Amino acid sequence: MAEGTYRAVSGGRIALQRRHYSASCREFSVRCPRLQLRSLSAATCSVWLAAYGLFVLSQNSMVLSAAIFITLIGLIVYLHFVKIDQESLLVIGSLGIQMTSSYASGKENTTFIEISQVKDVVINEAIYMQHLGAPVMDQDHTVLGSCTNRTQRVPVPGQLTSGSAPDPCQKDHL
């Protein structure tokens, strides 16, 4: 198991783990730091200060109640649908590719692509803390996945296939 620490596009630290279970089975996992109390407090305070300013102007206590409600609902939505703590890409040569995202709320989202549907795999921006991007291509180099977040490349964790396919995220291949 090899582990490295890198910087994400946002500047935060992320940890990359590479595991080789066998010659045809590899796993790549990325973890980011947990939700920090400082950022949570800053967001909560800014919403509540804005609500207090509106309360002073309008003298309506519903503004304060709405601010508390919006803050709680926003935090629940953020933890359950946005904040990803860990992503992993498991490649099993004879079965397929499994992509897993673990959210801060404990929710996990797993996608499996059977090997019969995989012709070639190109990892571009392989794992970043918004989505797991592994564009899967067919024989005609048609991208079945998607390419996003082209601002900064993450170091390639390893070569998965010996075939060379064009980068589907380059302008001349879109």
N, C-alpha and C. Protein backbone atom coordinates (compact mmCIF):
# COMPACT_ATOMS: atom_id res chain seq x y z
N MET A 1 0.85 -1.18 0.00
CA MET A 1 0.00 0.00 0.00
C MET A 1 0.90 1.24 0.00
N ALA A 2 0.74 2.07 -1.00
CA ALA A 2 1.48 3.32 -1.09
C ALA A 2 0.53 4.47 -0.79
N GLU A 3 1.04 5.45 -0.06
CA GLU A 3 0.21 6.59 0.29
C GLU A 3 0.98 7.87 0.01
N GLY A 4 0.29 8.85 -0.53
CA GLY A 4 0.88 10.15 -0.80
C GLY A 4 -0.07 11.25 -0.42
N THR A 5 0.48 12.43 -0.10
CA THR A 5 -0.33 13.58 0.26
C THR A 5 -0.17 14.62 -0.83
N TYR A 6 -1.30 15.15 -1.31
CA TYR A 6 -1.31 16.13 -2.37
C TYR A 6 -2.20 17.29 -1.97
N ARG A 7 -2.20 18.33 -2.79
CA ARG A 7 -3.08 19.48 -2.61
C ARG A 7 -4.20 19.40 -3.64
N ALA A 8 -5.41 19.64 -3.18
CA ALA A 8 -6.57 19.67 -4.08
C ALA A 8 -6.59 21.01 -4.81
N VAL A 9 -7.48 21.14 -5.78
CA VAL A 9 -7.63 22.37 -6.53
C VAL A 9 -7.96 23.52 -5.59
N SER A 10 -8.74 23.25 -4.56
CA SER A 10 -9.13 24.28 -3.60
C SER A 10 -8.02 24.64 -2.62
N GLY A 11 -6.91 23.88 -2.62
CA GLY A 11 -5.80 24.16 -1.73
C GLY A 11 -5.76 23.26 -0.51
N GLY A 12 -6.82 22.51 -0.27
CA GLY A 12 -6.85 21.59 0.88
C GLY A 12 -5.99 20.36 0.63
N ARG A 13 -5.61 19.70 1.71
CA ARG A 13 -4.79 18.51 1.58
C ARG A 13 -5.66 17.29 1.37
N ILE A 14 -5.21 16.42 0.47
CA ILE A 14 -5.89 15.15 0.24
C ILE A 14 -4.85 14.04 0.29
N ALA A 15 -5.29 12.86 0.71
CA ALA A 15 -4.40 11.71 0.81
C ALA A 15 -4.80 10.67 -0.23
N LEU A 16 -3.84 10.22 -1.01
CA LEU A 16 -4.06 9.20 -2.04
C LEU A 16 -3.45 7.90 -1.56
N GLN A 17 -4.25 6.84 -1.55
CA GLN A 17 -3.77 5.49 -1.20
C GLN A 17 -3.89 4.61 -2.42
N ARG A 18 -2.82 3.86 -2.71
CA ARG A 18 -2.83 2.91 -3.81
C ARG A 18 -2.60 1.52 -3.22
N ARG A 19 -3.50 0.62 -3.55
CA ARG A 19 -3.39 -0.76 -3.05
C ARG A 19 -3.37 -1.71 -4.24
N HIS A 20 -2.46 -2.67 -4.21
CA HIS A 20 -2.39 -3.71 -5.22
C HIS A 20 -2.73 -5.03 -4.54
N TYR A 21 -3.93 -5.53 -4.81
CA TYR A 21 -4.34 -6.79 -4.22
C TYR A 21 -3.78 -7.98 -5.00
N SER A 22 -3.72 -7.84 -6.32
CA SER A 22 -3.13 -8.86 -7.18
C SER A 22 -2.74 -8.16 -8.48
N ALA A 23 -2.25 -8.93 -9.44
CA ALA A 23 -1.83 -8.33 -10.71
C ALA A 23 -3.00 -7.71 -11.46
N SER A 24 -4.20 -8.22 -11.27
CA SER A 24 -5.36 -7.70 -12.00
C SER A 24 -6.35 -6.95 -11.11
N CYS A 25 -5.98 -6.67 -9.87
CA CYS A 25 -6.88 -5.99 -8.94
C CYS A 25 -6.14 -4.86 -8.23
N ARG A 26 -6.58 -3.62 -8.49
CA ARG A 26 -5.97 -2.44 -7.87
C ARG A 26 -7.06 -1.52 -7.34
N GLU A 27 -6.72 -0.80 -6.29
CA GLU A 27 -7.65 0.18 -5.72
C GLU A 27 -6.94 1.49 -5.48
N PHE A 28 -7.61 2.58 -5.84
CA PHE A 28 -7.11 3.92 -5.60
C PHE A 28 -8.13 4.63 -4.73
N SER A 29 -7.70 5.17 -3.59
CA SER A 29 -8.61 5.86 -2.67
C SER A 29 -8.07 7.24 -2.36
N VAL A 30 -8.98 8.21 -2.28
CA VAL A 30 -8.62 9.57 -1.92
C VAL A 30 -9.47 9.99 -0.74
N ARG A 31 -8.80 10.53 0.29
CA ARG A 31 -9.51 11.04 1.47
C ARG A 31 -9.18 12.51 1.64
N CYS A 32 -10.16 13.28 2.05
CA CYS A 32 -9.94 14.69 2.36
C CYS A 32 -10.24 14.90 3.84
N PRO A 33 -9.77 16.02 4.39
CA PRO A 33 -10.05 16.28 5.81
C PRO A 33 -11.55 16.39 6.08
N ARG A 34 -11.93 16.06 7.27
CA ARG A 34 -13.33 16.18 7.68
C ARG A 34 -13.74 17.64 7.73
N LEU A 35 -15.03 17.86 7.87
CA LEU A 35 -15.57 19.21 7.95
C LEU A 35 -14.95 19.93 9.15
N GLN A 36 -14.44 21.13 8.91
CA GLN A 36 -13.78 21.88 9.98
C GLN A 36 -14.78 22.79 10.69
N LEU A 37 -14.62 22.88 11.99
CA LEU A 37 -15.51 23.71 12.80
C LEU A 37 -15.39 25.18 12.40
N ARG A 38 -14.21 25.60 11.98
CA ARG A 38 -13.99 27.00 11.60
C ARG A 38 -14.87 27.38 10.40
N SER A 39 -14.89 26.55 9.37
CA SER A 39 -15.69 26.89 8.18
C SER A 39 -17.18 26.80 8.48
N LEU A 40 -17.57 25.82 9.30
CA LEU A 40 -18.97 25.70 9.69
C LEU A 40 -19.42 26.92 10.49
N SER A 41 -18.59 27.36 11.43
CA SER A 41 -18.93 28.54 12.24
C SER A 41 -18.99 29.80 11.40
N ALA A 42 -18.08 29.94 10.45
CA ALA A 42 -18.07 31.14 9.60
C ALA A 42 -19.34 31.21 8.75
N ALA A 43 -19.75 30.09 8.18
CA ALA A 43 -20.96 30.08 7.36
C ALA A 43 -22.20 30.38 8.21
N THR A 44 -22.28 29.75 9.37
CA THR A 44 -23.42 29.97 10.26
C THR A 44 -23.49 31.42 10.73
N CYS A 45 -22.37 31.97 11.14
CA CYS A 45 -22.35 33.36 11.62
C CYS A 45 -22.73 34.34 10.52
N SER A 46 -22.26 34.11 9.30
CA SER A 46 -22.59 35.05 8.23
C SER A 46 -24.08 35.03 7.91
N VAL A 47 -24.69 33.84 7.90
CA VAL A 47 -26.14 33.75 7.65
C VAL A 47 -26.91 34.41 8.79
N TRP A 48 -26.51 34.16 10.02
CA TRP A 48 -27.24 34.72 11.15
C TRP A 48 -27.03 36.23 11.28
N LEU A 49 -25.85 36.75 10.94
CA LEU A 49 -25.64 38.20 10.99
C LEU A 49 -26.47 38.90 9.91
N ALA A 50 -26.54 38.29 8.73
CA ALA A 50 -27.40 38.87 7.68
C ALA A 50 -28.86 38.86 8.12
N ALA A 51 -29.29 37.78 8.76
CA ALA A 51 -30.67 37.68 9.24
C ALA A 51 -30.92 38.71 10.34
N TYR A 52 -29.96 38.92 11.21
CA TYR A 52 -30.14 39.90 12.28
C TYR A 52 -30.24 41.31 11.69
N GLY A 53 -29.45 41.58 10.65
CA GLY A 53 -29.54 42.88 9.98
C GLY A 53 -30.91 43.10 9.37
N LEU A 54 -31.45 42.07 8.75
CA LEU A 54 -32.81 42.17 8.20
C LEU A 54 -33.85 42.31 9.31
N PHE A 55 -33.62 41.63 10.43
CA PHE A 55 -34.54 41.74 11.56
C PHE A 55 -34.57 43.17 12.11
N VAL A 56 -33.39 43.79 12.21
CA VAL A 56 -33.33 45.16 12.73
C VAL A 56 -34.09 46.11 11.80
N LEU A 57 -33.97 45.88 10.49
CA LEU A 57 -34.67 46.76 9.55
C LEU A 57 -36.17 46.50 9.50
N SER A 58 -36.57 45.23 9.59
CA SER A 58 -37.99 44.91 9.42
C SER A 58 -38.75 44.70 10.72
N GLN A 59 -38.07 44.44 11.82
CA GLN A 59 -38.69 44.16 13.12
C GLN A 59 -39.64 42.96 13.04
N ASN A 60 -39.29 42.00 12.19
CA ASN A 60 -40.10 40.79 12.03
C ASN A 60 -39.28 39.60 12.52
N SER A 61 -39.79 38.93 13.57
CA SER A 61 -39.04 37.82 14.16
C SER A 61 -39.02 36.58 13.28
N MET A 62 -39.86 36.54 12.26
CA MET A 62 -39.85 35.40 11.34
C MET A 62 -38.53 35.33 10.56
N VAL A 63 -37.86 36.46 10.41
CA VAL A 63 -36.57 36.48 9.70
C VAL A 63 -35.55 35.65 10.48
N LEU A 64 -35.53 35.79 11.79
CA LEU A 64 -34.58 35.03 12.60
C LEU A 64 -34.92 33.53 12.58
N SER A 65 -36.19 33.22 12.65
CA SER A 65 -36.61 31.82 12.60
C SER A 65 -36.25 31.20 11.25
N ALA A 66 -36.45 31.95 10.18
CA ALA A 66 -36.12 31.46 8.84
C ALA A 66 -34.62 31.25 8.70
N ALA A 67 -33.81 32.11 9.31
CA ALA A 67 -32.35 31.96 9.24
C ALA A 67 -31.90 30.67 9.92
N ILE A 68 -32.48 30.38 11.08
CA ILE A 68 -32.14 29.14 11.78
C ILE A 68 -32.56 27.93 10.95
N PHE A 69 -33.75 27.98 10.39
CA PHE A 69 -34.26 26.88 9.57
C PHE A 69 -33.39 26.69 8.31
N ILE A 70 -33.06 27.77 7.63
CA ILE A 70 -32.23 27.70 6.42
C ILE A 70 -30.84 27.15 6.75
N THR A 71 -30.27 27.56 7.87
CA THR A 71 -28.95 27.07 8.26
C THR A 71 -28.97 25.57 8.52
N LEU A 72 -29.95 25.10 9.23
CA LEU A 72 -30.04 23.67 9.53
C LEU A 72 -30.28 22.83 8.28
N ILE A 73 -31.22 23.26 7.44
CA ILE A 73 -31.51 22.53 6.21
C ILE A 73 -30.29 22.57 5.29
N GLY A 74 -29.64 23.72 5.18
CA GLY A 74 -28.45 23.85 4.34
C GLY A 74 -27.32 22.93 4.79
N LEU A 75 -27.12 22.82 6.10
CA LEU A 75 -26.08 21.94 6.64
C LEU A 75 -26.39 20.48 6.35
N ILE A 76 -27.63 20.09 6.52
CA ILE A 76 -28.02 18.70 6.25
C ILE A 76 -27.83 18.37 4.77
N VAL A 77 -28.25 19.27 3.88
CA VAL A 77 -28.08 19.05 2.44
C VAL A 77 -26.60 18.99 2.08
N TYR A 78 -25.81 19.88 2.64
CA TYR A 78 -24.36 19.91 2.35
C TYR A 78 -23.69 18.60 2.78
N LEU A 79 -23.99 18.14 3.99
CA LEU A 79 -23.36 16.92 4.50
C LEU A 79 -23.82 15.67 3.75
N HIS A 80 -25.07 15.66 3.31
CA HIS A 80 -25.62 14.45 2.70
C HIS A 80 -25.40 14.36 1.19
N PHE A 81 -25.28 15.50 0.51
CA PHE A 81 -25.19 15.47 -0.95
C PHE A 81 -23.92 16.08 -1.53
N VAL A 82 -23.19 16.89 -0.77
CA VAL A 82 -22.06 17.63 -1.34
C VAL A 82 -20.71 17.20 -0.76
N LYS A 83 -20.59 17.20 0.55
CA LYS A 83 -19.30 16.97 1.21
C LYS A 83 -18.90 15.51 1.11
N ILE A 84 -17.90 15.23 0.28
CA ILE A 84 -17.40 13.87 0.11
C ILE A 84 -16.14 13.71 0.94
N ASP A 85 -16.12 12.68 1.78
CA ASP A 85 -14.95 12.41 2.63
C ASP A 85 -13.95 11.48 1.94
N GLN A 86 -14.45 10.51 1.19
CA GLN A 86 -13.55 9.54 0.57
C GLN A 86 -14.14 9.07 -0.75
N GLU A 87 -13.26 8.89 -1.74
CA GLU A 87 -13.64 8.31 -3.02
C GLU A 87 -12.67 7.19 -3.33
N SER A 88 -13.18 6.14 -3.97
CA SER A 88 -12.29 5.04 -4.34
C SER A 88 -12.66 4.50 -5.70
N LEU A 89 -11.64 4.00 -6.37
CA LEU A 89 -11.78 3.39 -7.68
C LEU A 89 -11.14 2.01 -7.57
N LEU A 90 -11.95 0.96 -7.68
CA LEU A 90 -11.48 -0.42 -7.59
C LEU A 90 -11.54 -1.03 -8.97
N VAL A 91 -10.39 -1.46 -9.48
CA VAL A 91 -10.31 -2.03 -10.82
C VAL A 91 -9.97 -3.52 -10.68
N ILE A 92 -10.91 -4.36 -11.12
CA ILE A 92 -10.70 -5.81 -11.10
C ILE A 92 -10.70 -6.25 -12.56
N GLY A 93 -9.55 -6.72 -13.02
CA GLY A 93 -9.36 -7.02 -14.43
C GLY A 93 -10.38 -7.95 -15.04
N SER A 94 -10.84 -8.93 -14.31
CA SER A 94 -11.76 -9.91 -14.89
C SER A 94 -13.23 -9.58 -14.64
N LEU A 95 -13.54 -8.63 -13.76
CA LEU A 95 -14.93 -8.30 -13.44
C LEU A 95 -15.37 -6.93 -13.90
N GLY A 96 -14.61 -5.89 -13.58
CA GLY A 96 -15.01 -4.55 -13.96
C GLY A 96 -14.41 -3.49 -13.07
N ILE A 97 -15.07 -2.34 -13.05
CA ILE A 97 -14.61 -1.17 -12.30
C ILE A 97 -15.70 -0.75 -11.32
N GLN A 98 -15.32 -0.55 -10.07
CA GLN A 98 -16.28 -0.09 -9.06
C GLN A 98 -15.82 1.27 -8.56
N MET A 99 -16.73 2.26 -8.61
CA MET A 99 -16.45 3.60 -8.13
C MET A 99 -17.34 3.87 -6.92
N THR A 100 -16.73 4.30 -5.81
CA THR A 100 -17.47 4.52 -4.57
C THR A 100 -17.16 5.91 -4.03
N SER A 101 -18.20 6.65 -3.63
CA SER A 101 -18.06 7.94 -2.97
C SER A 101 -18.70 7.84 -1.60
N SER A 102 -17.98 8.25 -0.56
CA SER A 102 -18.50 8.26 0.81
C SER A 102 -18.69 9.70 1.25
N TYR A 103 -19.92 10.05 1.60
CA TYR A 103 -20.25 11.41 2.00
C TYR A 103 -20.07 11.60 3.50
N ALA A 104 -20.02 12.86 3.93
CA ALA A 104 -19.81 13.18 5.33
C ALA A 104 -20.93 12.68 6.22
N SER A 105 -22.12 12.52 5.68
CA SER A 105 -23.25 12.06 6.48
C SER A 105 -23.24 10.54 6.67
N GLY A 106 -22.34 9.84 5.97
CA GLY A 106 -22.29 8.39 6.06
C GLY A 106 -22.86 7.71 4.84
N LYS A 107 -23.52 8.46 3.98
CA LYS A 107 -24.11 7.92 2.76
C LYS A 107 -22.99 7.50 1.80
N GLU A 108 -23.19 6.36 1.13
CA GLU A 108 -22.24 5.88 0.13
C GLU A 108 -22.94 5.70 -1.20
N ASN A 109 -22.27 6.08 -2.26
CA ASN A 109 -22.78 5.93 -3.60
C ASN A 109 -21.79 5.06 -4.37
N THR A 110 -22.24 3.90 -4.85
CA THR A 110 -21.37 2.96 -5.54
C THR A 110 -21.91 2.69 -6.93
N THR A 111 -21.01 2.75 -7.91
CA THR A 111 -21.34 2.45 -9.30
C THR A 111 -20.40 1.36 -9.78
N PHE A 112 -20.96 0.36 -10.48
CA PHE A 112 -20.15 -0.73 -11.01
C PHE A 112 -20.34 -0.82 -12.52
N ILE A 113 -19.25 -0.92 -13.24
CA ILE A 113 -19.29 -1.07 -14.70
C ILE A 113 -18.68 -2.43 -15.02
N GLU A 114 -19.45 -3.28 -15.67
CA GLU A 114 -18.96 -4.63 -16.01
C GLU A 114 -17.85 -4.55 -17.03
N ILE A 115 -16.93 -5.52 -16.96
CA ILE A 115 -15.77 -5.54 -17.85
C ILE A 115 -16.18 -5.68 -19.31
N SER A 116 -17.32 -6.31 -19.59
CA SER A 116 -17.77 -6.46 -20.97
C SER A 116 -18.14 -5.11 -21.60
N GLN A 117 -18.47 -4.12 -20.77
CA GLN A 117 -18.81 -2.80 -21.27
C GLN A 117 -17.59 -1.89 -21.36
N VAL A 118 -16.48 -2.30 -20.78
CA VAL A 118 -15.27 -1.48 -20.75
C VAL A 118 -14.34 -1.91 -21.87
N LYS A 119 -13.99 -0.98 -22.74
CA LYS A 119 -13.03 -1.24 -23.81
C LYS A 119 -11.68 -0.64 -23.46
N ASP A 120 -11.68 0.54 -22.86
CA ASP A 120 -10.46 1.21 -22.48
C ASP A 120 -10.80 2.20 -21.37
N VAL A 121 -9.89 2.43 -20.45
CA VAL A 121 -10.13 3.35 -19.34
C VAL A 121 -9.09 4.46 -19.41
N VAL A 122 -9.57 5.69 -19.33
CA VAL A 122 -8.69 6.84 -19.27
C VAL A 122 -8.99 7.56 -17.97
N ILE A 123 -8.00 7.71 -17.12
CA ILE A 123 -8.21 8.44 -15.87
C ILE A 123 -7.70 9.85 -16.09
N ASN A 124 -8.61 10.80 -16.03
CA ASN A 124 -8.29 12.19 -16.22
C ASN A 124 -8.95 12.95 -15.09
N GLU A 125 -8.17 13.67 -14.27
CA GLU A 125 -8.69 14.25 -13.03
C GLU A 125 -9.29 13.10 -12.24
N ALA A 126 -8.57 12.01 -12.12
CA ALA A 126 -9.09 10.72 -11.68
C ALA A 126 -10.02 10.82 -10.49
N ILE A 127 -9.55 11.33 -9.41
CA ILE A 127 -10.38 11.38 -8.22
C ILE A 127 -10.21 12.78 -7.63
N TYR A 128 -11.29 13.50 -7.49
CA TYR A 128 -11.26 14.79 -6.84
C TYR A 128 -12.54 14.92 -6.05
N MET A 129 -12.55 15.75 -5.07
CA MET A 129 -13.58 15.69 -4.04
C MET A 129 -14.92 16.31 -4.45
N GLN A 130 -15.27 16.23 -5.68
CA GLN A 130 -16.60 16.60 -6.13
C GLN A 130 -17.27 15.41 -6.80
N HIS A 131 -16.56 14.78 -7.70
CA HIS A 131 -17.05 13.59 -8.39
C HIS A 131 -15.87 12.70 -8.69
N LEU A 132 -16.15 11.45 -8.90
CA LEU A 132 -15.12 10.52 -9.33
C LEU A 132 -15.19 10.48 -10.84
N GLY A 133 -14.15 10.92 -11.49
CA GLY A 133 -14.18 11.00 -12.95
C GLY A 133 -13.29 9.96 -13.57
N ALA A 134 -13.85 8.97 -14.17
CA ALA A 134 -13.09 7.99 -14.91
C ALA A 134 -13.79 7.80 -16.25
N PRO A 135 -13.46 8.65 -17.21
CA PRO A 135 -14.13 8.52 -18.50
C PRO A 135 -13.90 7.13 -19.09
N VAL A 136 -14.96 6.43 -19.41
CA VAL A 136 -14.88 5.10 -19.98
C VAL A 136 -15.20 5.23 -21.46
N MET A 137 -14.35 4.62 -22.29
CA MET A 137 -14.49 4.78 -23.73
C MET A 137 -14.77 3.44 -24.39
N ASP A 138 -15.53 3.46 -25.50
CA ASP A 138 -15.76 2.24 -26.25
C ASP A 138 -14.72 2.11 -27.36
N GLN A 139 -14.88 1.16 -28.28
CA GLN A 139 -13.89 0.90 -29.31
C GLN A 139 -13.68 2.09 -30.23
N ASP A 140 -14.70 2.88 -30.47
CA ASP A 140 -14.60 4.03 -31.36
C ASP A 140 -14.11 5.28 -30.64
N HIS A 141 -13.61 5.12 -29.44
CA HIS A 141 -13.14 6.21 -28.59
C HIS A 141 -14.25 7.21 -28.29
N THR A 142 -15.46 6.71 -28.17
CA THR A 142 -16.59 7.52 -27.75
C THR A 142 -16.63 7.51 -26.23
N VAL A 143 -16.67 8.68 -25.64
CA VAL A 143 -16.64 8.78 -24.18
C VAL A 143 -17.99 8.41 -23.62
N LEU A 144 -18.01 7.43 -22.73
CA LEU A 144 -19.25 7.03 -22.06
C LEU A 144 -19.40 7.76 -20.74
N GLY A 145 -18.28 8.23 -20.16
CA GLY A 145 -18.30 8.99 -18.91
C GLY A 145 -18.29 10.48 -19.22
N SER A 146 -17.85 11.29 -18.26
CA SER A 146 -17.81 12.73 -18.47
C SER A 146 -16.49 13.29 -17.97
N CYS A 147 -16.10 14.43 -18.49
CA CYS A 147 -14.88 15.11 -18.09
C CYS A 147 -15.27 16.44 -17.47
N THR A 148 -14.79 16.70 -16.28
CA THR A 148 -15.11 17.95 -15.60
C THR A 148 -13.87 18.47 -14.91
N ASN A 149 -13.92 19.71 -14.45
CA ASN A 149 -12.90 20.34 -13.63
C ASN A 149 -11.52 20.27 -14.29
N ARG A 150 -11.31 21.06 -15.32
CA ARG A 150 -10.06 21.04 -16.07
C ARG A 150 -9.07 22.08 -15.56
N THR A 151 -9.23 22.62 -14.36
CA THR A 151 -8.35 23.69 -13.90
C THR A 151 -6.97 23.21 -13.51
N GLN A 152 -6.83 22.05 -12.91
CA GLN A 152 -5.53 21.57 -12.48
C GLN A 152 -5.53 20.06 -12.50
N ARG A 153 -4.49 19.46 -13.02
CA ARG A 153 -4.42 18.02 -13.10
C ARG A 153 -3.89 17.43 -11.79
N VAL A 154 -4.46 16.30 -11.39
CA VAL A 154 -3.98 15.54 -10.25
C VAL A 154 -2.96 14.55 -10.79
N PRO A 155 -1.83 14.28 -10.08
CA PRO A 155 -0.88 13.30 -10.59
C PRO A 155 -1.56 11.95 -10.82
N VAL A 156 -1.24 11.32 -11.94
CA VAL A 156 -1.87 10.05 -12.31
C VAL A 156 -1.43 8.98 -11.32
N PRO A 157 -2.37 8.29 -10.68
CA PRO A 157 -2.02 7.31 -9.66
C PRO A 157 -1.35 6.06 -10.22
N GLY A 158 -1.55 5.75 -11.45
CA GLY A 158 -0.91 4.56 -12.00
C GLY A 158 -1.53 4.20 -13.33
N GLN A 159 -0.83 3.41 -14.11
CA GLN A 159 -1.35 3.02 -15.41
C GLN A 159 -2.19 1.77 -15.24
N LEU A 160 -3.41 1.82 -15.76
CA LEU A 160 -4.33 0.71 -15.59
C LEU A 160 -4.33 -0.22 -16.80
N THR A 161 -4.14 0.35 -17.98
CA THR A 161 -4.14 -0.47 -19.18
C THR A 161 -2.91 -0.14 -20.00
N SER A 162 -2.53 -1.06 -20.87
CA SER A 162 -1.37 -0.81 -21.70
C SER A 162 -1.75 -0.13 -23.00
N GLY A 163 -3.05 -0.09 -23.33
CA GLY A 163 -3.50 0.57 -24.55
C GLY A 163 -3.43 2.07 -24.41
N SER A 164 -3.21 2.74 -25.52
CA SER A 164 -3.16 4.20 -25.45
C SER A 164 -4.34 4.76 -26.24
N ALA A 165 -5.15 5.53 -25.57
CA ALA A 165 -6.31 6.16 -26.19
C ALA A 165 -6.13 7.66 -26.09
N PRO A 166 -6.72 8.43 -27.02
CA PRO A 166 -6.59 9.88 -26.92
C PRO A 166 -7.33 10.41 -25.70
N ASP A 167 -6.85 11.54 -25.20
CA ASP A 167 -7.47 12.18 -24.04
C ASP A 167 -8.83 12.73 -24.46
N PRO A 168 -9.95 12.18 -23.94
CA PRO A 168 -11.27 12.62 -24.38
C PRO A 168 -11.61 14.02 -23.93
N CYS A 169 -10.84 14.59 -23.02
CA CYS A 169 -11.15 15.92 -22.52
C CYS A 169 -10.41 17.01 -23.30
N GLN A 170 -9.54 16.64 -24.22
CA GLN A 170 -8.86 17.64 -25.04
C GLN A 170 -9.86 18.22 -26.03
N LYS A 171 -9.66 19.47 -26.42
CA LYS A 171 -10.60 20.17 -27.28
C LYS A 171 -10.81 19.48 -28.62
N ASP A 172 -9.76 18.89 -29.21
CA ASP A 172 -9.92 18.29 -30.51
C ASP A 172 -10.63 16.93 -30.47
N HIS A 173 -10.89 16.40 -29.28
CA HIS A 173 -11.59 15.12 -29.15
C HIS A 173 -13.01 15.28 -28.64
N LEU A 174 -13.46 16.51 -28.37
CA LEU A 174 -14.80 16.70 -27.83
C LEU A 174 -15.83 16.74 -28.92
